[in-house]
């Protein structure tokens, strides 16, 4: 299991959209099981990925946390993209 956090210049909705593009059916092929304005959950191949983004205090971006199992390498790649 992996859990990573970082700050991004993207607002939370943009982070979630990038996550859906990256992890979802048109990306690495995981099923989107839940999606909101600040988070998304994906499942597939015996694992999961949960992406959560919150506004920074000055609203200049977001604080992003990604947790997952069986997708460590892809999570690290995604964190480099955002």
C-alpha atoms as a PDB file:
ATOM      1  CA  UNK A   1       0.000   0.000   0.000  1.00  0.00           C
ATOM      2  CA  UNK A   2       1.158   3.509  -0.785  1.00  0.00           C
ATOM      3  CA  UNK A   3       0.056   6.924   0.421  1.00  0.00           C
ATOM      4  CA  UNK A   4       1.603  10.084  -1.030  1.00  0.00           C
ATOM      5  CA  UNK A   5       0.911  13.778  -0.708  1.00  0.00           C
ATOM      6  CA  UNK A   6       2.053  16.906  -2.503  1.00  0.00           C
ATOM      7  CA  UNK A   7       0.997  20.396  -3.416  1.00  0.00           C
ATOM      8  CA  UNK A   8      -0.188  21.136  -6.952  1.00  0.00           C
ATOM      9  CA  UNK A   9      -0.805  24.354  -8.864  1.00  0.00           C
ATOM     10  CA  UNK A  10      -4.031  22.794 -10.176  1.00  0.00           C
ATOM     11  CA  UNK A  11      -7.338  23.442  -8.393  1.00  0.00           C
ATOM     12  CA  UNK A  12      -9.059  20.363  -6.899  1.00  0.00           C
ATOM     13  CA  UNK A  13     -11.509  19.861  -9.791  1.00  0.00           C
ATOM     14  CA  UNK A  14      -8.599  19.875 -12.270  1.00  0.00           C
ATOM     15  CA  UNK A  15      -6.722  17.306 -10.160  1.00  0.00           C
ATOM     16  CA  UNK A  16      -9.782  15.031 -10.148  1.00  0.00           C
ATOM     17  CA  UNK A  17     -10.205  15.407 -13.934  1.00  0.00           C
ATOM     18  CA  UNK A  18      -6.519  14.561 -14.481  1.00  0.00           C
ATOM     19  CA  UNK A  19      -6.929  11.538 -12.192  1.00  0.00           C
ATOM     20  CA  UNK A  20      -9.898  10.267 -14.212  1.00  0.00           C
ATOM     21  CA  UNK A  21      -7.926  10.708 -17.448  1.00  0.00           C
ATOM     22  CA  UNK A  22      -4.870   8.955 -15.974  1.00  0.00           C
ATOM     23  CA  UNK A  23      -6.401   6.102 -13.950  1.00  0.00           C
ATOM     24  CA  UNK A  24      -9.830   5.695 -15.586  1.00  0.00           C
ATOM     25  CA  UNK A  25     -11.012   3.606 -18.548  1.00  0.00           C
ATOM     26  CA  UNK A  26      -9.273   5.771 -21.167  1.00  0.00           C
ATOM     27  CA  UNK A  27      -6.047   5.800 -19.108  1.00  0.00           C
ATOM     28  CA  UNK A  28      -4.698   2.707 -17.365  1.00  0.00           C
ATOM     29  CA  UNK A  29      -8.153   1.132 -17.386  1.00  0.00           C
ATOM     30  CA  UNK A  30      -9.401   1.234 -13.820  1.00  0.00           C
ATOM     31  CA  UNK A  31     -13.124   1.495 -13.108  1.00  0.00           C
ATOM     32  CA  UNK A  32     -14.282   4.833 -11.665  1.00  0.00           C
ATOM     33  CA  UNK A  33     -16.366   3.765  -8.646  1.00  0.00           C
ATOM     34  CA  UNK A  34     -16.832   7.220  -7.100  1.00  0.00           C
ATOM     35  CA  UNK A  35     -16.157  10.754  -8.307  1.00  0.00           C
ATOM     36  CA  UNK A  36     -16.843  14.169  -6.811  1.00  0.00           C
ATOM     37  CA  UNK A  37     -15.503  17.701  -7.023  1.00  0.00           C
ATOM     38  CA  UNK A  38     -12.643  16.937  -4.633  1.00  0.00           C
ATOM     39  CA  UNK A  39     -12.005  13.205  -4.905  1.00  0.00           C
ATOM     40  CA  UNK A  40     -12.198  10.092  -7.028  1.00  0.00           C
ATOM     41  CA  UNK A  41     -11.885   6.366  -6.311  1.00  0.00           C
ATOM     42  CA  UNK A  42     -10.812   3.758  -8.836  1.00  0.00           C
ATOM     43  CA  UNK A  43     -10.749  -0.050  -8.644  1.00  0.00           C
ATOM     44  CA  UNK A  44      -9.368  -2.835 -10.771  1.00  0.00           C
ATOM     45  CA  UNK A  45      -6.937  -5.771 -10.958  1.00  0.00           C
ATOM     46  CA  UNK A  46      -7.306  -6.467  -7.233  1.00  0.00           C
ATOM     47  CA  UNK A  47      -6.302  -2.971  -6.170  1.00  0.00           C
ATOM     48  CA  UNK A  48      -7.589   0.543  -5.799  1.00  0.00           C
ATOM     49  CA  UNK A  49      -6.558   4.196  -6.066  1.00  0.00           C
ATOM     50  CA  UNK A  50      -8.111   7.042  -4.068  1.00  0.00           C
ATOM     51  CA  UNK A  51      -7.311  10.633  -5.057  1.00  0.00           C
ATOM     52  CA  UNK A  52      -8.293  13.533  -2.813  1.00  0.00           C
ATOM     53  CA  UNK A  53      -7.604  17.250  -3.393  1.00  0.00           C
ATOM     54  CA  UNK A  54      -8.297  20.236  -1.142  1.00  0.00           C
ATOM     55  CA  UNK A  55      -7.899  23.960  -1.801  1.00  0.00           C
ATOM     56  CA  UNK A  56      -4.761  25.566  -0.431  1.00  0.00           C
ATOM     57  CA  UNK A  57      -5.433  28.403   2.030  1.00  0.00           C
ATOM     58  CA  UNK A  58      -4.546  31.039  -0.570  1.00  0.00           C
ATOM     59  CA  UNK A  59      -6.485  29.171  -3.303  1.00  0.00           C
ATOM     60  CA  UNK A  60      -3.407  29.094  -5.530  1.00  0.00           C
ATOM     61  CA  UNK A  61      -3.682  25.350  -6.048  1.00  0.00           C
ATOM     62  CA  UNK A  62      -4.416  22.265  -4.010  1.00  0.00           C
ATOM     63  CA  UNK A  63      -3.066  19.828  -1.476  1.00  0.00           C
ATOM     64  CA  UNK A  64      -3.288  16.368  -3.063  1.00  0.00           C
ATOM     65  CA  UNK A  65      -3.273  12.982  -1.328  1.00  0.00           C
ATOM     66  CA  UNK A  66      -3.240   9.714  -3.268  1.00  0.00           C
ATOM     67  CA  UNK A  67      -3.602   6.320  -1.630  1.00  0.00           C
ATOM     68  CA  UNK A  68      -3.626   2.947  -3.319  1.00  0.00           C
ATOM     69  CA  UNK A  69      -2.823  -0.725  -3.418  1.00  0.00           C
ATOM     70  CA  UNK A  70      -1.263  -2.602  -6.355  1.00  0.00           C
ATOM     71  CA  UNK A  71      -0.719   0.636  -8.332  1.00  0.00           C
ATOM     72  CA  UNK A  72       2.375   2.120  -6.626  1.00  0.00           C
ATOM     73  CA  UNK A  73       4.323   2.798  -9.824  1.00  0.00           C
ATOM     74  CA  UNK A  74       1.361   4.454 -11.556  1.00  0.00           C
ATOM     75  CA  UNK A  75       0.593   6.573  -8.478  1.00  0.00           C
ATOM     76  CA  UNK A  76       4.174   7.860  -8.459  1.00  0.00           C
ATOM     77  CA  UNK A  77       3.830   8.683 -12.188  1.00  0.00           C
ATOM     78  CA  UNK A  78       0.566  10.547 -11.594  1.00  0.00           C
ATOM     79  CA  UNK A  79       2.060  12.577  -8.755  1.00  0.00           C
ATOM     80  CA  UNK A  80       4.803  13.671 -11.158  1.00  0.00           C
ATOM     81  CA  UNK A  81       2.214  14.789 -13.731  1.00  0.00           C
ATOM     82  CA  UNK A  82       0.178  17.020 -11.422  1.00  0.00           C
END
